[in-house]
Protein backbone atom coordinates (compact mmCIF):
# COMPACT_ATOMS: atom_id res chain seq x y z
CA MET A 1 35.71 40.32 117.51
CA SER A 2 39.08 42.17 116.92
CA LEU A 3 39.63 45.31 115.23
CA PRO A 4 41.21 45.64 111.78
CA ALA A 5 44.33 47.72 111.70
CA MET A 6 43.84 51.43 112.42
CA SER A 7 44.36 53.74 109.61
CA THR A 8 47.04 56.42 110.10
CA GLU A 9 46.08 58.87 106.89
CA PHE A 10 46.06 62.27 108.24
CA VAL A 11 42.49 63.96 108.15
CA GLY A 12 41.55 67.59 108.15
CA ARG A 13 43.20 70.37 109.80
CA GLN A 14 44.05 72.39 106.31
CA ARG A 15 43.50 75.57 107.91
CA GLU A 16 45.81 75.00 110.83
CA LEU A 17 48.53 73.47 108.33
CA ALA A 18 48.25 76.46 106.28
CA ALA A 19 48.75 78.92 109.13
CA LEU A 20 51.94 76.99 110.23
CA GLU A 21 53.29 77.03 106.69
CA ALA A 22 52.73 80.56 106.28
CA ALA A 23 54.58 81.21 109.42
CA TRP A 24 57.43 79.03 108.38
CA LYS A 25 57.79 80.96 104.96
CA ALA A 26 57.64 84.51 106.56
CA GLU A 27 60.66 86.51 107.24
CA GLY A 28 62.03 86.33 110.67
CA GLY A 29 61.42 84.02 113.45
CA ALA A 30 58.24 82.65 114.46
CA LEU A 31 56.99 81.73 118.01
CA TRP A 32 53.81 79.77 118.05
CA PRO A 33 52.09 78.21 121.20
CA VAL A 34 50.05 75.29 120.10
CA TYR A 35 47.54 73.88 122.76
CA GLY A 36 44.56 71.82 123.28
CA ARG A 37 43.28 68.89 125.41
CA ARG A 38 44.66 65.35 124.99
CA ARG A 39 44.03 63.40 122.01
CA VAL A 40 42.99 66.24 120.02
CA GLY A 41 46.06 65.84 117.50
CA LYS A 42 48.38 68.41 118.17
CA SER A 43 51.48 66.20 118.22
CA GLU A 44 50.03 64.72 115.04
CA LEU A 45 49.71 67.93 113.38
CA ILE A 46 53.05 69.16 114.32
CA VAL A 47 54.80 66.09 112.87
CA HIS A 48 52.91 66.11 109.73
CA PHE A 49 53.69 69.94 109.30
CA MET A 50 57.54 69.25 110.00
CA ARG A 51 57.81 66.58 107.17
CA GLY A 52 60.44 67.68 104.84
CA LYS A 53 61.59 70.79 106.83
CA PRO A 54 64.77 70.93 108.77
CA GLY A 55 63.89 70.65 112.61
CA LEU A 56 63.81 69.13 115.96
CA TYR A 57 60.91 67.64 117.54
CA TYR A 58 61.27 66.88 121.36
CA VAL A 59 58.51 65.38 123.51
CA GLY A 60 58.98 66.48 127.24
CA LYS A 61 57.94 63.87 129.95
CA GLN A 62 57.37 63.63 133.74
CA ALA A 63 61.08 63.20 134.58
CA PRO A 64 63.75 65.49 136.24
CA GLY A 65 65.03 68.31 134.14
CA ALA A 66 68.57 67.09 134.02
CA LEU A 67 67.26 64.00 132.11
CA GLN A 68 65.14 65.71 129.81
CA LEU A 69 68.07 68.10 128.68
CA ARG A 70 70.14 65.07 128.12
CA GLU A 71 67.64 63.32 126.06
CA PHE A 72 66.94 66.65 124.19
CA LEU A 73 70.62 66.94 123.20
CA GLU A 74 70.43 63.14 122.10
CA ALA A 75 67.34 63.93 120.09
CA ALA A 76 69.22 67.05 118.57
CA ALA A 77 72.34 64.82 117.56
CA GLU A 78 70.26 62.50 115.58
CA ALA A 79 68.24 65.32 113.90
CA LEU A 80 71.27 67.28 113.09
CA GLY A 81 73.56 64.44 112.11
CA GLU A 82 75.97 65.45 115.00
CA PRO A 83 76.84 62.46 116.99
CA LEU A 84 79.12 64.43 119.23
CA LEU A 85 76.07 66.79 120.20
CA ALA A 86 74.71 63.73 122.42
CA THR A 87 77.47 64.02 124.99
CA TYR A 88 77.75 67.95 124.70
CA PRO A 89 78.31 69.08 128.40
CA ALA A 90 75.46 71.70 128.46
CA ALA A 91 75.02 73.24 131.87
CA ASP A 92 71.23 74.41 131.11
CA TRP A 93 68.79 74.81 128.49
CA SER A 94 70.35 77.95 127.19
CA ALA A 95 73.42 76.37 126.29
CA ALA A 96 71.77 73.24 124.77
CA PHE A 97 69.82 75.85 122.44
CA ARG A 98 73.07 77.49 121.62
CA ALA A 99 74.73 74.38 120.88
CA VAL A 100 72.00 73.40 118.47
CA GLU A 101 72.10 76.59 116.79
CA GLU A 102 75.85 76.63 116.18
CA ARG A 103 75.27 73.27 114.44
CA TRP A 104 72.60 74.35 112.23
CA ARG A 105 73.97 75.89 109.06
CA GLY A 106 71.29 74.63 106.40
CA PRO A 107 69.13 76.84 104.17
CA GLY A 108 65.61 77.64 105.23
CA LYS A 109 64.04 78.12 108.60
CA PHE A 110 64.68 75.67 111.44
CA VAL A 111 61.67 74.13 113.20
CA LEU A 112 62.15 73.62 117.05
CA ALA A 113 59.06 71.69 118.52
CA LEU A 114 59.01 71.21 122.24
CA ASP A 115 55.85 69.09 122.70
CA GLU A 116 54.18 68.45 126.37
CA PHE A 117 55.87 71.73 127.20
CA GLN A 118 54.15 71.75 130.65
CA TRP A 119 55.96 68.84 131.97
CA LEU A 120 59.25 70.33 130.49
CA ALA A 121 58.73 73.73 132.19
CA GLY A 122 57.48 72.03 135.24
CA ALA A 123 60.82 70.08 135.68
CA SER A 124 62.74 73.24 134.61
CA PRO A 125 60.88 76.22 135.86
CA GLU A 126 63.50 78.58 134.27
CA LEU A 127 62.85 77.31 130.76
CA PRO A 128 60.13 80.06 129.81
CA SER A 129 62.69 82.53 130.97
CA ILE A 130 65.38 81.06 128.95
CA ILE A 131 63.28 80.83 125.81
CA GLN A 132 62.38 84.42 126.14
CA ALA A 133 66.09 85.68 126.43
CA CYS A 134 66.76 83.50 123.15
CA TRP A 135 63.92 84.98 121.32
CA ASP A 136 64.87 88.63 122.37
CA ARG A 137 68.50 88.30 121.75
CA ARG A 138 68.59 86.13 118.49
CA TRP A 139 65.43 84.15 117.48
CA LYS A 140 63.05 86.84 116.43
CA SER A 141 65.19 88.12 113.51
CA GLY A 142 67.00 84.59 112.90
CA LYS A 143 65.53 81.47 110.77
CA ILE A 144 63.89 79.56 113.22
CA MET A 145 60.37 78.88 114.23
CA VAL A 146 59.64 77.59 117.89
CA ILE A 147 56.46 75.67 118.66
CA LEU A 148 55.50 75.20 122.32
CA CYS A 149 52.93 72.72 122.46
CA GLY A 150 51.05 71.63 125.42
CA SER A 151 47.88 69.71 126.62
CA TYR A 152 47.35 71.45 129.88
CA LEU A 153 45.20 74.29 128.94
CA GLY A 154 45.25 76.19 132.14
CA PHE A 155 49.08 75.81 132.30
CA MET A 156 49.55 77.06 128.65
CA GLU A 157 47.12 80.13 129.22
CA ARG A 158 48.93 81.13 132.49
CA GLU A 159 52.61 80.15 131.88
CA VAL A 160 52.95 80.77 128.17
CA LEU A 161 50.09 83.15 127.07
CA GLY A 162 49.43 84.90 130.38
CA LYS A 163 50.45 88.47 131.12
CA LYS A 164 52.82 87.27 133.99
CA SER A 165 54.59 84.79 131.68
CA PRO A 166 58.13 85.91 130.36
CA LEU A 167 56.83 84.83 126.93
CA PHE A 168 53.94 87.28 126.94
CA GLY A 169 53.89 89.50 124.05
CA ARG A 170 56.64 87.35 122.21
CA ARG A 171 54.27 85.02 120.21
CA THR A 172 54.14 85.66 116.64
CA GLY A 173 50.88 83.36 116.39
CA GLN A 174 48.97 81.01 118.43
CA MET A 175 46.80 77.87 117.85
CA LEU A 176 44.02 76.50 120.33
CA LEU A 177 43.34 73.06 118.54
CA LYS A 178 39.83 72.22 118.98
CA PRO A 179 38.28 68.68 118.37
CA PHE A 180 36.69 68.17 114.93
CA GLY A 181 33.32 69.14 114.26
CA TYR A 182 30.75 66.76 113.24
CA ALA A 183 31.31 67.18 109.58
CA GLU A 184 35.17 66.89 109.86
CA ALA A 185 34.74 63.78 112.05
CA ALA A 186 32.65 62.21 109.44
CA GLU A 187 35.62 62.15 106.97
CA PHE A 188 37.14 59.32 109.10
CA HIS A 189 34.18 57.04 107.96
CA PRO A 190 32.99 58.52 104.58
CA ARG A 191 31.48 55.32 103.32
CA TRP A 192 29.06 55.15 106.49
CA SER A 193 25.66 56.52 106.49
CA ARG A 194 24.83 59.80 108.18
CA VAL A 195 23.19 58.02 111.11
CA ASP A 196 26.27 56.10 111.52
CA GLN A 197 28.56 58.94 111.24
CA ALA A 198 26.51 60.77 113.63
CA ARG A 199 26.52 57.82 116.11
CA ALA A 200 30.49 57.54 116.09
CA TYR A 201 30.70 61.18 116.76
CA PHE A 202 28.15 61.16 119.63
CA ILE A 203 30.53 58.43 121.16
CA CYS A 204 33.94 59.49 119.95
CA GLY A 205 33.63 63.10 119.72
CA GLY A 206 35.96 65.01 117.38
CA LEU A 207 39.15 63.34 118.54
CA PRO A 208 41.20 61.75 115.83
CA PHE A 209 42.54 58.82 117.89
CA TYR A 210 39.24 57.74 119.01
CA LEU A 211 37.50 58.00 115.62
CA ARG A 212 40.44 55.91 114.32
CA CYS A 213 39.65 53.27 116.65
CA PHE A 214 36.15 52.72 115.16
CA SER A 215 36.92 50.63 111.94
CA PRO A 216 34.81 51.43 108.87
CA ALA A 217 34.69 47.71 108.35
CA LEU A 218 32.46 47.05 111.28
CA SER A 219 29.24 48.33 112.46
CA VAL A 220 29.04 51.08 115.44
CA GLU A 221 27.98 48.23 117.85
CA GLN A 222 30.63 46.06 116.67
CA ASN A 223 33.29 48.84 117.13
CA LEU A 224 31.99 49.25 120.55
CA ALA A 225 32.50 45.83 121.55
CA ALA A 226 35.97 45.74 119.93
CA ALA A 227 37.44 48.89 120.91
CA MET A 228 35.61 49.75 124.15
CA PHE A 229 34.24 46.66 125.91
CA ASP A 230 37.17 44.17 125.06
CA GLU A 231 39.80 44.33 127.58
CA LEU A 232 42.24 44.36 124.94
CA GLY A 233 40.70 47.11 122.74
CA PRO A 234 42.49 50.58 122.76
CA LEU A 235 39.52 52.38 124.63
CA PHE A 236 38.71 49.89 127.26
CA ARG A 237 41.19 51.73 129.92
CA GLU A 238 41.68 54.94 127.93
CA PRO A 239 39.98 57.35 130.50
CA GLU A 240 41.87 56.00 133.27
CA PHE A 241 45.17 56.37 131.39
CA LEU A 242 44.22 59.87 130.75
CA LEU A 243 43.28 60.83 134.02
CA ARG A 244 46.19 59.03 135.92
CA GLU A 245 48.63 60.90 133.58
CA GLU A 246 47.47 64.30 134.76
CA LEU A 247 46.04 63.89 138.22
CA ARG A 248 46.17 62.88 141.62
CA GLU A 249 43.59 61.54 143.81
CA VAL A 250 42.00 59.96 140.64
CA ALA A 251 39.21 58.26 142.81
CA ASN A 252 37.65 61.50 143.35
CA TYR A 253 37.71 62.63 139.92
CA HIS A 254 36.24 59.28 138.66
CA SER A 255 33.52 59.86 141.21
CA ILE A 256 32.72 63.33 140.09
CA LEU A 257 32.82 62.45 136.19
CA ARG A 258 30.69 59.39 136.90
CA ALA A 259 28.03 61.49 138.42
CA LEU A 260 28.12 63.84 135.53
CA ALA A 261 27.82 61.16 133.02
CA ALA A 262 24.69 59.90 135.00
CA GLY A 263 22.94 63.31 134.76
CA GLN A 264 24.12 65.08 137.94
CA VAL A 265 24.86 68.59 136.86
CA THR A 266 24.37 71.05 139.73
CA ASN A 267 26.81 71.63 142.68
CA ALA A 268 24.16 70.06 145.23
CA GLY A 269 23.58 67.03 142.88
CA LEU A 270 27.43 66.30 142.35
CA SER A 271 27.99 66.80 146.14
CA GLY A 272 25.25 64.50 147.27
CA ALA A 273 26.17 61.92 144.63
CA THR A 274 29.85 61.77 145.46
CA GLY A 275 30.13 62.73 149.11
CA ILE A 276 32.57 65.32 148.31
CA GLY A 277 32.27 68.65 150.22
CA ASP A 278 31.56 71.94 148.42
CA ARG A 279 35.12 73.48 148.56
CA ALA A 280 37.03 70.31 147.40
CA LEU A 281 34.25 69.71 144.76
CA GLN A 282 35.21 73.33 143.38
CA PHE A 283 38.83 72.42 143.25
CA TYR A 284 38.24 69.18 141.36
CA LEU A 285 35.63 70.78 138.94
CA SER A 286 38.31 73.71 138.22
CA THR A 287 40.87 71.19 137.45
CA LEU A 288 38.68 69.09 135.15
CA MET A 289 37.94 72.65 133.37
CA GLU A 290 41.54 73.45 132.91
CA LEU A 291 42.11 69.98 131.32
CA GLY A 292 39.07 70.75 128.95
CA TYR A 293 37.04 67.68 130.10
CA VAL A 294 34.34 69.62 131.99
CA GLN A 295 32.59 73.09 131.34
CA ARG A 296 30.64 75.28 133.42
CA ARG A 297 27.28 76.52 131.83
CA TYR A 298 24.37 78.94 132.23
CA PRO A 299 21.11 79.17 130.47
CA LEU A 300 21.17 81.33 127.52
CA THR A 301 18.59 84.33 127.80
CA GLY A 302 20.31 87.44 126.91
CA ALA A 303 20.39 88.53 130.43
CA PRO A 304 23.55 88.54 132.80
CA PRO A 305 24.11 84.88 133.92
CA GLN A 306 23.38 84.04 137.68
CA ALA A 307 25.42 81.96 139.72
CA ARG A 308 22.60 79.86 141.17
CA GLN A 309 21.84 78.85 137.72
CA VAL A 310 25.19 77.28 137.13
CA ARG A 311 25.37 73.56 135.65
CA TYR A 312 28.33 71.60 134.77
CA SER A 313 28.74 69.34 131.66
CA LEU A 314 31.16 66.55 130.66
CA GLU A 315 32.30 67.81 127.53
CA ASP A 316 34.28 64.75 126.21
CA PRO A 317 31.64 62.51 124.47
CA LEU A 318 33.95 59.40 125.02
CA LEU A 319 34.51 60.20 128.82
CA ARG A 320 30.48 60.72 129.06
CA PHE A 321 29.92 57.23 127.30
CA TRP A 322 32.54 55.28 129.26
CA PHE A 323 31.62 56.66 132.52
CA ARG A 324 28.07 56.10 131.80
CA PHE A 325 28.44 52.42 130.20
CA VAL A 326 31.93 50.90 131.04
CA PHE A 327 33.23 52.32 134.35
CA PRO A 328 30.15 51.31 136.53
CA HIS A 329 29.92 47.68 134.99
CA THR A 330 33.47 46.41 134.68
CA SER A 331 32.65 43.23 136.53
CA GLN A 332 29.54 42.47 134.33
CA ILE A 333 31.47 43.21 131.25
CA ALA A 334 34.05 40.66 132.22
CA LEU A 335 31.39 37.95 132.77
CA LEU A 336 29.21 38.87 129.66
CA GLY A 337 32.11 39.52 127.24
CA PRO A 338 32.11 42.36 124.81
CA GLN A 339 29.31 41.64 122.45
CA ARG A 340 26.71 40.61 125.13
CA ALA A 341 27.79 43.46 127.32
CA VAL A 342 27.12 45.85 124.28
CA GLN A 343 23.71 44.15 123.69
CA GLN A 344 22.44 43.75 127.44
CA LEU A 345 24.06 46.86 128.97
CA VAL A 346 24.15 49.49 126.16
CA ARG A 347 21.79 48.86 123.30
CA PRO A 348 18.57 49.24 125.49
CA GLN A 349 19.74 53.00 126.70
CA LEU A 350 21.76 53.76 123.35
CA ASP A 351 19.00 56.08 121.85
CA ALA A 352 18.47 57.97 125.05
CA PHE A 353 22.19 58.65 125.11
CA PHE A 354 22.28 59.48 121.59
CA GLY A 355 19.35 61.91 122.13
CA HIS A 356 21.29 64.20 124.55
CA ALA A 357 24.16 64.01 122.03
CA PHE A 358 22.09 64.95 119.15
CA GLU A 359 21.07 68.12 120.98
CA ARG A 360 24.61 69.21 121.23
CA MET A 361 25.09 68.70 117.62
CA CYS A 362 22.10 70.57 116.77
CA ARG A 363 23.54 73.41 118.65
CA GLU A 364 26.60 73.14 116.83
CA ALA A 365 24.94 73.04 113.57
CA LEU A 366 22.81 76.22 114.12
CA PRO A 367 25.38 78.74 112.79
CA PHE A 368 25.98 76.67 109.64
CA LEU A 369 22.16 76.75 109.20
CA TYR A 370 22.37 80.50 109.57
CA ALA A 371 25.11 80.90 107.05
CA GLN A 372 23.39 78.55 104.67
CA GLU A 373 20.10 80.73 105.01
CA GLY A 374 21.97 84.16 104.36
CA VAL A 375 21.79 85.38 108.21
CA SER A 376 24.76 87.67 108.45
CA ALA A 377 23.94 88.77 111.90
CA ALA A 378 26.32 87.65 114.81
CA CYS A 379 24.81 85.05 117.17
CA GLU A 380 25.24 83.18 120.35
CA VAL A 381 24.21 79.62 120.76
CA GLY A 382 23.27 77.69 123.73
CA GLU A 383 20.21 76.10 125.66
CA TYR A 384 17.85 77.23 128.20
CA TRP A 385 16.68 75.66 131.56
CA ASP A 386 14.90 76.64 134.68
CA LYS A 387 13.34 74.30 137.38
CA ASP A 388 10.40 73.47 135.23
CA THR A 389 11.50 73.98 131.49
CA GLN A 390 14.29 72.79 129.26
CA ILE A 391 14.74 74.19 125.86
CA ASP A 392 17.23 72.11 123.74
CA VAL A 393 18.50 75.06 121.41
CA VAL A 394 18.59 78.88 121.86
CA GLY A 395 19.99 81.10 119.11
CA LEU A 396 20.52 84.76 119.95
CA ARG A 397 20.87 86.79 116.97
CA GLN A 398 21.95 90.65 117.09
CA ASP A 399 19.10 91.28 114.49
CA GLY A 400 16.42 91.08 116.83
CA TRP A 401 15.62 87.40 116.23
CA THR A 402 15.87 84.50 118.75
CA ASP A 403 15.42 80.96 117.66
CA LEU A 404 14.18 78.32 120.18
CA GLY A 405 14.69 74.64 119.04
CA GLU A 406 13.39 71.10 120.03
CA CYS A 407 15.59 68.20 119.03
CA LYS A 408 14.26 64.49 118.56
CA TRP A 409 16.65 61.56 117.69
CA GLY A 410 14.06 59.04 118.32
CA ALA A 411 11.05 58.38 116.10
CA VAL A 412 8.66 61.24 115.69
CA ARG A 413 4.97 60.26 115.51
CA SER A 414 3.70 63.67 113.95
CA ALA A 415 4.86 67.16 113.50
CA ALA A 416 1.90 68.42 115.67
CA GLU A 417 3.01 66.53 118.54
CA LEU A 418 6.57 68.03 118.43
CA ARG A 419 4.98 71.45 117.89
CA ALA A 420 3.02 71.09 121.20
CA GLU A 421 6.16 69.84 123.07
CA LEU A 422 7.99 73.26 121.86
CA ALA A 423 4.98 75.54 122.44
CA ALA A 424 4.43 74.25 126.01
CA ARG A 425 7.85 75.57 126.93
CA VAL A 426 8.22 78.61 124.65
CA GLY A 427 5.97 80.71 127.06
CA ASN A 428 8.54 80.03 129.96
CA PHE A 429 11.44 81.63 128.05
CA PRO A 430 12.17 85.05 129.50
CA ASN A 431 12.48 86.83 126.34
CA ALA A 432 14.47 89.81 128.05
CA ARG A 433 15.29 91.47 124.82
CA GLN A 434 11.72 91.23 123.40
CA ALA A 435 13.04 89.66 120.31
CA THR A 436 10.97 88.06 117.63
CA LEU A 437 10.73 84.23 118.55
CA GLY A 438 11.48 81.63 115.88
CA GLN A 439 10.96 77.88 116.17
CA ARG A 440 13.25 75.14 114.82
CA PHE A 441 12.85 71.48 114.88
CA PHE A 442 15.56 69.14 114.70
CA THR A 443 15.02 65.41 113.78
CA ARG A 444 16.91 62.45 112.77
CA ALA A 445 14.78 61.59 109.91
CA PRO A 446 12.83 64.15 107.59
CA VAL A 447 9.38 64.82 109.13
CA LYS A 448 6.20 65.37 106.91
CA VAL A 449 4.86 68.88 107.79
CA ALA A 450 1.18 69.02 106.57
CA GLU A 451 0.96 72.90 107.25
CA SER A 452 3.53 75.76 107.08
CA LYS A 453 3.84 77.98 109.91
CA GLY A 454 5.33 80.76 107.97
CA GLY A 455 9.11 82.06 108.38
CA ASN A 456 8.92 81.49 112.09
CA GLU A 457 9.09 77.90 111.86
CA ARG A 458 11.79 75.42 110.28
CA TRP A 459 12.40 71.87 110.13
CA HIS A 460 15.82 70.32 109.94
CA SER A 461 16.77 66.49 109.46
CA LEU A 462 20.25 65.07 110.21
CA ASP A 463 20.95 65.08 106.37
CA ASP A 464 20.28 68.90 106.50
CA LEU A 465 22.76 69.59 109.26
CA TYR A 466 25.51 67.79 107.42
CA GLU A 467 24.69 69.60 104.13
CA ALA A 468 24.68 72.87 105.91
CA ALA A 469 28.20 72.50 107.41
CA ALA A 470 29.37 71.44 103.87
CA VAL A 471 28.58 74.74 102.41
């Protein structure tokens, strides 16, 4: 089964567009770093924002600085309608920027967007200093908006936003573009049921490109077969392309990501599963964290975290799914074909995979539920674990209240059974702040609750989570 044509409609990001629009309309220059992990929609956002505005959009690449400088001038020649600019003998980026400025005489603010800035600056390390000089001398009081866009979070935070960067203190705004939340992700498939919208979110996360790969005309399993289990599908090799674009020694990263997807979350577990020594493992994990693919986590108790409690999580849902179901089974997928591979390799384990993803969704939803309930106290949301106990949701509020939550994606036999499961764990939670403890139960379908436990207990179905996020 092949995929229907992919939609190109721009979805969401209205708050971000409004912020860029306000910066463009404001007096004086604007310097905005826009950064976030790959596939989050940075380039799409910038291109959409620039429509109808005078400007120049250039995408850096892994190429020598001289070649990129020449291509930048060629792009400028086309954008400005100045053919001779393509062969302008610019000695460096400073001269190239000056040439563009001299040829721009139109009304309004000119938008200069440099995408994949980490590659531009990697090939021309002097570029941040040149932009600083241009900003200080001309741009900050001129009619120009400079957007520096990058996908390598660590680079952008160090070399553009960091104190040691030549650009430190110059930015007039900044934007860390994050994946869509579950409510925004649902806008890509508005006719689907809430359950199918959630399933798509559990697999694709909140990344626009991945969500668009799932056609509204197909079921979730049909989309999996066509997009991820067909060698011609857009997601069949996607994680490999992403990692090879950013990293060396890809085999070691593959091993680590596969181990994470299989449930190894500790240093010892990852080292044992991959055969990678602790020092090298820390280097690889740090790199994956800088790219936004992996996160270091601690149990949430209100007390200072302990190093021995650290766990690592694979934050990208698509990577988590792909390394769980596709990467280990490529030979079987080739033999079975897309649809049979999904039926035999994925379907029997799908609800278990969705169960873990549902826990993440419930933690994401808790602040929305608090807002819906009129809770104004600041809160911190996470989970708790020790060697014997796992509590899916922990909500620490500054008003002396702590919520402990149990999540159940599969069928619930009775409310009493779910209560008993959480009750067995609550006693192991180290209530360091002596807070009042509330209990929350998150289920896919509504559960009939025979008796109320008062204000300390709340039940939430999947529909409730979407309703709270829409308020």
